[in-house]
């Protein structure tokens, strides 16, 4: 097996490993996005709040189950929560989404009172940030610190694939011990 084949194999295994979390992340979005939209329409049409207030409440309320489902189901973290390393950065990312979606919702509110356009503006704003947020969670937010050196891995040891560096020896090669 050549080095490029090994690299391809490792890359494929890493992709398969990360893609499982990406599918679970999409599943969380499949729950949280409809919840956000129902809350947005409820606050806008039933409670009769402004588009901006409705959006802010909907995003804030939906962020709570999004955090817990992402942490537990997507990244399989069950140990204690770190306020400085997980909770605050997660809420900051949601705040960026809130600002962007509020801008889009405000713009739509200026030209229309349509709840459907309001929902579309909200979904579009969060859609823009969806993959970036996944990557931040994957690489930094829910990465698990190694116990010895303090560096981080992107998954817990029990679920992470193990990649071992090995020297390829062909038949007839002389191996020095």
Protein backbone atom coordinates (compact mmCIF):
# COMPACT_ATOMS: atom_id res chain seq x y z
CA UNK A 1 0.00 0.00 0.00
CA UNK A 2 1.42 3.38 -0.99
CA UNK A 3 1.44 6.48 1.18
CA UNK A 4 -1.23 8.16 -0.96
CA UNK A 5 -3.51 5.14 -0.52
CA UNK A 6 -3.01 5.26 3.26
CA UNK A 7 -3.73 9.00 3.28
CA UNK A 8 -6.87 8.43 1.22
CA UNK A 9 -8.00 5.67 3.59
CA UNK A 10 -7.39 7.79 6.69
CA UNK A 11 -9.14 10.78 5.09
CA UNK A 12 -12.12 8.61 4.17
CA UNK A 13 -12.37 7.15 7.70
CA UNK A 14 -12.14 10.64 9.20
CA UNK A 15 -14.85 11.87 6.79
CA UNK A 16 -17.11 8.95 7.75
CA UNK A 17 -16.51 9.68 11.43
CA UNK A 18 -17.28 13.41 11.10
CA UNK A 19 -20.18 12.85 8.70
CA UNK A 20 -22.02 10.83 11.35
CA UNK A 21 -21.94 13.85 13.63
CA UNK A 22 -22.94 16.10 10.73
CA UNK A 23 -26.02 13.92 10.15
CA UNK A 24 -26.89 14.07 13.87
CA UNK A 25 -26.31 17.85 13.77
CA UNK A 26 -28.74 18.07 10.85
CA UNK A 27 -31.19 16.03 12.94
CA UNK A 28 -30.95 18.56 15.76
CA UNK A 29 -31.58 21.30 13.21
CA UNK A 30 -34.57 19.32 11.97
CA UNK A 31 -36.06 19.69 15.44
CA UNK A 32 -34.85 23.17 16.41
CA UNK A 33 -35.62 24.97 13.13
CA UNK A 34 -39.34 24.05 13.14
CA UNK A 35 -39.51 24.90 16.86
CA UNK A 36 -37.99 28.31 16.14
CA UNK A 37 -40.41 28.92 13.29
CA UNK A 38 -43.46 27.95 15.34
CA UNK A 39 -42.33 30.25 18.14
CA UNK A 40 -41.59 33.05 15.68
CA UNK A 41 -45.05 32.88 14.11
CA UNK A 42 -46.68 32.45 17.54
CA UNK A 43 -45.02 35.56 18.98
CA UNK A 44 -45.62 37.55 15.78
CA UNK A 45 -49.22 36.56 15.00
CA UNK A 46 -50.75 35.42 18.30
CA UNK A 47 -48.94 37.53 20.89
CA UNK A 48 -48.68 40.39 18.37
CA UNK A 49 -45.09 41.31 19.12
CA UNK A 50 -42.89 43.11 16.61
CA UNK A 51 -40.91 41.08 14.09
CA UNK A 52 -37.66 41.81 15.95
CA UNK A 53 -39.02 40.90 19.41
CA UNK A 54 -40.66 37.74 18.03
CA UNK A 55 -37.41 36.68 16.39
CA UNK A 56 -35.33 37.38 19.50
CA UNK A 57 -37.65 35.37 21.74
CA UNK A 58 -37.94 32.47 19.29
CA UNK A 59 -34.17 32.19 18.77
CA UNK A 60 -33.40 32.51 22.48
CA UNK A 61 -35.93 29.87 23.54
CA UNK A 62 -34.93 27.41 20.78
CA UNK A 63 -31.23 27.78 21.64
CA UNK A 64 -31.77 25.95 24.94
CA UNK A 65 -32.76 22.56 23.46
CA UNK A 66 -30.27 23.15 20.61
CA UNK A 67 -27.40 23.36 23.10
CA UNK A 68 -28.40 20.27 25.07
CA UNK A 69 -29.18 18.14 22.01
CA UNK A 70 -25.98 19.20 20.24
CA UNK A 71 -23.82 18.54 23.25
CA UNK A 72 -25.33 15.19 24.21
CA UNK A 73 -26.52 13.64 20.97
CA UNK A 74 -24.23 15.11 18.32
CA UNK A 75 -20.93 15.25 20.23
CA UNK A 76 -21.81 12.62 22.88
CA UNK A 77 -20.64 14.75 25.81
CA UNK A 78 -22.09 13.74 29.16
CA UNK A 79 -19.59 15.17 31.65
CA UNK A 80 -20.14 18.50 33.40
CA UNK A 81 -20.74 21.66 31.39
CA UNK A 82 -17.99 24.26 31.10
CA UNK A 83 -19.53 27.72 31.20
CA UNK A 84 -16.45 29.45 29.78
CA UNK A 85 -15.55 26.80 27.20
CA UNK A 86 -18.99 25.61 26.03
CA UNK A 87 -22.01 27.56 27.27
CA UNK A 88 -20.80 31.14 26.64
CA UNK A 89 -19.29 30.40 23.19
CA UNK A 90 -22.44 28.50 22.16
CA UNK A 91 -24.63 31.43 23.17
CA UNK A 92 -22.25 33.83 21.41
CA UNK A 93 -22.65 31.83 18.18
CA UNK A 94 -26.42 31.92 18.66
CA UNK A 95 -26.21 35.66 19.27
CA UNK A 96 -24.43 36.12 15.92
CA UNK A 97 -27.23 34.11 14.32
CA UNK A 98 -29.78 36.20 16.19
CA UNK A 99 -28.20 39.43 14.94
CA UNK A 100 -28.10 38.23 11.34
CA UNK A 101 -31.62 36.80 11.43
CA UNK A 102 -32.92 39.93 13.17
CA UNK A 103 -31.40 42.06 10.42
CA UNK A 104 -33.08 39.89 7.76
CA UNK A 105 -36.39 39.81 9.66
CA UNK A 106 -36.28 43.59 10.18
CA UNK A 107 -35.68 44.14 6.46
CA UNK A 108 -38.60 41.86 5.59
CA UNK A 109 -40.76 43.60 8.21
CA UNK A 110 -40.13 46.94 6.46
CA UNK A 111 -41.58 45.72 3.18
CA UNK A 112 -44.14 43.12 4.25
CA UNK A 113 -46.21 41.84 7.16
CA UNK A 114 -46.15 38.28 5.78
CA UNK A 115 -45.34 35.67 8.41
CA UNK A 116 -44.09 33.36 5.63
CA UNK A 117 -41.50 35.91 4.50
CA UNK A 118 -40.49 36.41 8.13
CA UNK A 119 -39.92 32.67 8.52
CA UNK A 120 -37.98 32.55 5.24
CA UNK A 121 -35.73 35.41 6.37
CA UNK A 122 -35.01 33.67 9.67
CA UNK A 123 -34.26 30.31 8.02
CA UNK A 124 -32.07 31.92 5.38
CA UNK A 125 -29.96 33.76 7.98
CA UNK A 126 -29.39 30.65 10.07
CA UNK A 127 -28.77 28.58 6.94
CA UNK A 128 -25.87 30.85 6.09
CA UNK A 129 -24.29 30.16 9.49
CA UNK A 130 -25.21 26.46 9.80
CA UNK A 131 -22.03 24.84 8.44
CA UNK A 132 -19.73 27.39 10.04
CA UNK A 133 -21.34 26.72 13.40
CA UNK A 134 -20.93 22.95 12.95
CA UNK A 135 -17.23 23.39 12.17
CA UNK A 136 -16.69 25.62 15.22
CA UNK A 137 -18.45 23.08 17.43
CA UNK A 138 -16.50 20.21 15.88
CA UNK A 139 -13.05 21.75 16.04
CA UNK A 140 -13.24 23.93 19.11
CA UNK A 141 -16.39 24.13 21.20
CA UNK A 142 -17.12 20.48 21.99
CA UNK A 143 -13.58 19.18 21.49
CA UNK A 144 -12.48 16.98 24.39
CA UNK A 145 -9.26 18.03 26.18
CA UNK A 146 -6.65 15.30 26.53
CA UNK A 147 -5.95 14.60 30.18
CA UNK A 148 -2.16 14.75 29.89
CA UNK A 149 -1.20 17.66 27.65
CA UNK A 150 -4.31 19.85 27.59
CA UNK A 151 -4.59 19.71 23.79
CA UNK A 152 -7.94 18.89 22.28
CA UNK A 153 -9.40 16.11 20.21
CA UNK A 154 -12.67 16.57 18.33
CA UNK A 155 -14.33 13.57 19.96
CA UNK A 156 -14.19 11.43 23.04
CA UNK A 157 -11.72 8.58 23.14
CA UNK A 158 -14.44 5.95 23.18
CA UNK A 159 -15.96 7.07 19.87
CA UNK A 160 -12.95 8.45 17.99
CA UNK A 161 -11.27 6.39 15.29
CA UNK A 162 -7.70 5.46 16.09
CA UNK A 163 -5.09 6.27 13.47
CA UNK A 164 -1.69 4.70 14.01
CA UNK A 165 1.39 5.87 12.14
CA UNK A 166 3.09 2.85 10.67
CA UNK A 167 5.97 2.20 8.34
CA UNK A 168 5.05 0.11 5.31
CA UNK A 169 7.40 -2.81 4.82
CA UNK A 170 7.44 -4.60 1.49
CA UNK A 171 8.47 -8.27 1.14
CA UNK A 172 12.24 -8.48 0.82
CA UNK A 173 12.91 -5.18 2.68
CA UNK A 174 15.46 -5.28 5.45
CA UNK A 175 14.08 -4.06 8.74
CA UNK A 176 16.51 -2.75 11.34
CA UNK A 177 15.68 -3.28 14.98
